[in-house]
Protein backbone atom coordinates (compact mmCIF):
# COMPACT_ATOMS: atom_id res chain seq x y z
CA MET A 1 -1.60 9.27 -15.72
CA LYS A 2 -0.78 6.87 -18.43
CA ILE A 3 -0.78 3.29 -17.29
CA ALA A 4 -0.25 -0.24 -19.18
CA VAL A 5 -1.98 -3.15 -17.52
CA PHE A 6 -0.22 -6.73 -17.90
CA ALA A 7 -2.36 -9.25 -17.67
CA SER A 8 -2.40 -13.58 -18.77
CA GLY A 9 -5.88 -14.60 -18.63
CA SER A 10 -9.79 -13.28 -18.25
CA GLY A 11 -8.88 -9.84 -17.58
CA SER A 12 -11.28 -9.38 -14.71
CA ASN A 13 -9.18 -6.82 -12.94
CA PHE A 14 -8.39 -5.08 -16.11
CA ALA A 15 -11.81 -4.69 -16.68
CA GLU A 16 -12.75 -3.33 -13.06
CA ILE A 17 -9.90 -0.86 -13.57
CA VAL A 18 -11.51 0.41 -16.90
CA GLU A 19 -15.06 0.44 -15.81
CA ALA A 20 -13.68 2.58 -12.74
CA ILE A 21 -12.10 5.06 -15.22
CA ARG A 22 -15.63 4.92 -16.99
CA LYS A 23 -17.52 5.92 -13.94
CA GLN A 24 -14.91 8.28 -12.51
CA THR A 25 -14.16 6.50 -9.40
CA LEU A 26 -10.77 6.53 -10.48
CA THR A 27 -9.95 9.86 -11.97
CA ASP A 28 -6.71 11.50 -14.00
CA VAL A 29 -5.83 7.71 -15.10
CA GLU A 30 -5.83 6.29 -18.58
CA VAL A 31 -5.31 2.62 -19.69
CA ALA A 32 -3.24 3.47 -22.86
CA LEU A 33 -2.01 -0.17 -23.20
CA LEU A 34 -2.49 -3.72 -22.17
CA VAL A 35 0.27 -6.34 -22.39
CA CYS A 36 -0.48 -9.97 -22.70
CA ASP A 37 1.61 -13.06 -22.81
CA LYS A 38 -1.33 -15.54 -23.94
CA PRO A 39 -2.48 -14.51 -27.62
CA GLY A 40 -5.97 -15.41 -27.65
CA ALA A 41 -6.51 -15.03 -23.91
CA HIS A 42 -9.97 -13.36 -22.71
CA VAL A 43 -8.63 -10.21 -21.77
CA THR A 44 -7.32 -9.18 -25.23
CA ASN A 45 -11.02 -9.51 -26.40
CA ARG A 46 -11.93 -7.28 -23.41
CA ALA A 47 -9.54 -4.80 -24.10
CA ALA A 48 -10.69 -5.14 -27.91
CA GLY A 49 -14.24 -4.25 -26.49
CA TYR A 50 -12.89 -1.02 -24.91
CA GLY A 51 -11.07 -0.05 -27.71
CA ILE A 52 -7.87 0.04 -26.10
CA PRO A 53 -4.51 -1.03 -27.85
CA PHE A 54 -2.98 -4.28 -27.10
CA PHE A 55 -0.16 -6.18 -27.16
CA ALA A 56 -0.21 -10.00 -27.12
CA PHE A 57 2.91 -11.98 -27.58
CA ASN A 58 4.08 -15.34 -27.33
CA PRO A 59 7.28 -15.69 -24.91
CA LYS A 60 8.51 -19.01 -26.79
CA GLU A 61 8.58 -16.97 -29.90
CA TYR A 62 11.68 -14.75 -28.66
CA ALA A 63 15.22 -15.77 -27.79
CA ASP A 64 14.84 -14.88 -24.15
CA LYS A 65 13.23 -12.79 -21.44
CA ALA A 66 15.23 -9.93 -22.75
CA ALA A 67 14.24 -9.86 -26.08
CA TYR A 68 10.47 -9.75 -25.51
CA GLU A 69 10.75 -7.10 -22.64
CA VAL A 70 12.78 -4.87 -25.16
CA GLU A 71 9.68 -5.30 -27.75
CA ILE A 72 7.30 -4.50 -24.45
CA LEU A 73 9.62 -1.59 -23.59
CA THR A 74 9.43 -0.08 -26.79
CA ARG A 75 5.58 -0.23 -26.85
CA LEU A 76 5.57 1.40 -23.17
CA GLU A 77 7.51 4.33 -24.40
CA GLU A 78 5.70 4.78 -27.34
CA ARG A 79 2.52 5.37 -25.42
CA GLY A 80 4.13 7.19 -22.69
CA ILE A 81 3.34 4.95 -20.10
CA GLU A 82 3.65 6.35 -16.50
CA LEU A 83 2.87 3.14 -14.39
CA VAL A 84 2.77 -0.41 -15.18
CA VAL A 85 -0.25 -2.55 -13.17
CA LEU A 86 0.33 -6.40 -13.12
CA ALA A 87 -3.02 -7.93 -12.69
CA GLY A 88 -2.80 -11.52 -13.08
CA TYR A 89 0.35 -11.41 -15.16
CA MET A 90 1.96 -14.94 -14.51
CA ARG A 91 5.51 -13.68 -15.23
CA LEU A 92 8.27 -12.33 -13.27
CA ILE A 93 9.70 -9.41 -14.66
CA GLY A 94 13.27 -9.16 -15.72
CA ASP A 95 15.92 -6.76 -15.77
CA THR A 96 15.22 -5.02 -18.93
CA LEU A 97 11.62 -3.52 -17.56
CA LEU A 98 13.17 -3.01 -14.02
CA GLN A 99 15.61 -1.11 -15.42
CA ALA A 100 13.59 1.38 -17.31
CA TYR A 101 10.63 1.07 -14.86
CA GLY A 102 11.81 0.43 -11.54
CA GLY A 103 9.77 1.69 -9.04
CA ARG A 104 6.85 2.28 -11.30
CA ILE A 105 6.03 -1.46 -11.55
CA ILE A 106 2.95 -2.40 -9.04
CA ASN A 107 1.71 -6.11 -8.42
CA LEU A 108 -1.38 -7.45 -7.25
CA HIS A 109 -1.00 -10.78 -5.33
CA PRO A 110 -3.57 -13.19 -3.58
CA SER A 111 -1.95 -13.17 -0.34
CA LEU A 112 -1.08 -11.13 2.66
CA LEU A 113 2.67 -11.04 1.87
CA PRO A 114 4.82 -11.89 2.62
CA ALA A 115 3.17 -14.99 3.28
CA PHE A 116 2.49 -17.48 0.08
CA PRO A 117 4.48 -15.49 -2.52
CA GLY A 118 4.39 -17.08 -6.01
CA LYS A 119 2.02 -19.07 -7.88
CA ASP A 120 -1.05 -20.72 -6.18
CA ALA A 121 -1.02 -18.43 -3.11
CA ILE A 122 -4.98 -19.44 -2.51
CA GLY A 123 -4.34 -23.34 -2.74
CA GLN A 124 -0.83 -22.63 -0.36
CA ALA A 125 -2.74 -20.54 2.46
CA LEU A 126 -5.84 -23.41 2.26
CA ARG A 127 -3.30 -26.22 2.72
CA ALA A 128 -1.51 -24.28 5.48
CA GLY A 129 -4.62 -24.23 7.17
CA VAL A 130 -4.83 -20.28 8.20
CA LYS A 131 -7.68 -18.68 9.40
CA ILE A 132 -7.10 -15.48 7.49
CA THR A 133 -5.27 -14.74 4.07
CA GLY A 134 -6.03 -11.83 1.65
CA ILE A 135 -4.43 -9.38 -0.92
CA THR A 136 -1.81 -7.56 -1.21
CA VAL A 137 -0.61 -4.80 -3.96
CA HIS A 138 3.34 -3.95 -3.89
CA PHE A 139 5.95 -2.38 -5.79
CA VAL A 140 7.79 -4.84 -8.08
CA ASP A 141 11.27 -5.55 -7.74
CA GLU A 142 13.86 -8.09 -8.70
CA GLY A 143 12.46 -10.65 -6.21
CA LEU A 144 9.27 -12.88 -6.29
CA ASP A 145 6.37 -10.85 -4.69
CA SER A 146 9.11 -9.31 -2.49
CA GLY A 147 8.89 -5.49 -3.36
CA PRO A 148 7.70 -2.79 -1.16
CA ILE A 149 3.95 -3.15 0.18
CA ILE A 150 1.51 -0.70 -0.91
CA ALA A 151 -1.69 -1.92 0.54
CA GLN A 152 -2.91 -5.02 2.06
CA ARG A 153 -6.33 -6.37 2.77
CA PRO A 154 -7.51 -9.26 5.17
CA ILE A 155 -9.73 -11.88 4.02
CA PRO A 156 -11.22 -14.63 6.37
CA VAL A 157 -10.78 -18.36 5.52
CA GLN A 158 -14.42 -19.87 5.98
CA PRO A 159 -14.72 -23.50 7.00
CA GLY A 160 -14.93 -25.50 4.42
CA ASP A 161 -13.74 -23.18 1.75
CA THR A 162 -12.47 -24.35 -1.57
CA ASP A 163 -10.18 -22.93 -3.79
CA GLN A 164 -12.88 -21.53 -6.12
CA LEU A 165 -14.92 -20.20 -2.90
CA LEU A 166 -12.04 -18.26 -1.60
CA ALA A 167 -10.85 -17.15 -4.99
CA ALA A 168 -14.53 -15.61 -5.59
CA ARG A 169 -14.24 -13.29 -2.18
CA ILE A 170 -10.39 -12.74 -3.20
CA HIS A 171 -11.20 -11.37 -6.54
CA GLU A 172 -14.24 -9.37 -5.18
CA GLU A 173 -11.63 -7.65 -2.88
CA GLU A 174 -8.94 -7.29 -5.69
CA HIS A 175 -11.59 -5.30 -8.05
CA ARG A 176 -12.12 -2.63 -4.95
CA LEU A 177 -8.29 -2.37 -3.71
CA LEU A 178 -6.49 -2.29 -7.02
CA PRO A 179 -8.34 0.96 -8.51
CA GLU A 180 -8.17 2.49 -4.72
CA VAL A 181 -4.13 2.22 -5.18
CA ILE A 182 -3.98 3.28 -8.68
CA GLN A 183 -6.21 6.43 -7.78
CA SER A 184 -3.57 6.76 -4.56
CA ILE A 185 -0.42 6.97 -7.02
CA ALA A 186 -2.34 9.14 -9.71
CA SER A 187 -3.21 11.41 -7.07
CA GLY A 188 0.14 11.25 -5.32
CA HIS A 189 -0.66 9.90 -2.10
CA VAL A 190 1.49 7.23 -2.84
CA ARG A 191 4.91 8.00 -4.28
CA LEU A 192 6.43 6.34 -7.08
CA GLY A 193 10.43 5.36 -7.51
CA VAL A 194 10.89 3.21 -4.32
């Protein structure tokens, strides 16, 4: 299964996916493209180091979301992408990509959805005083973190947790769960096309 990973930052989840493929804990999957909306983000250096093609773009250089999504779509189709994995991609997916890849886009989110959708989910959880938060992998639809849930993992909030401490534990679990979900999709245990 050829996948594209979309990321906006350091790319630790991207690297975990690639390493899982290299270690053969994730099989029958190829990362065929990285898409990044921040030229110069560290994830592009990671992709270059792994020899994985990437498309880094500045959204402000396009007339609108549809314009840059048309270019992304062209690149996805050129590489025969079957699944899009959002791993720290900080943009909402628009109609252009949803129409072409609806039911074949998954997102990793740092909360137990439907709690704390959108930005700063970790901060939202801490401010709400919850005892348990977690991570969710879900299909992407036109809403904000509202698509059907594929898998979730709870993560206890410890007394004295800061954004950074809780984020570190969340990232650790993300690095395990996301490759597992991709494997479930590649092996047919989770069906695409919600």
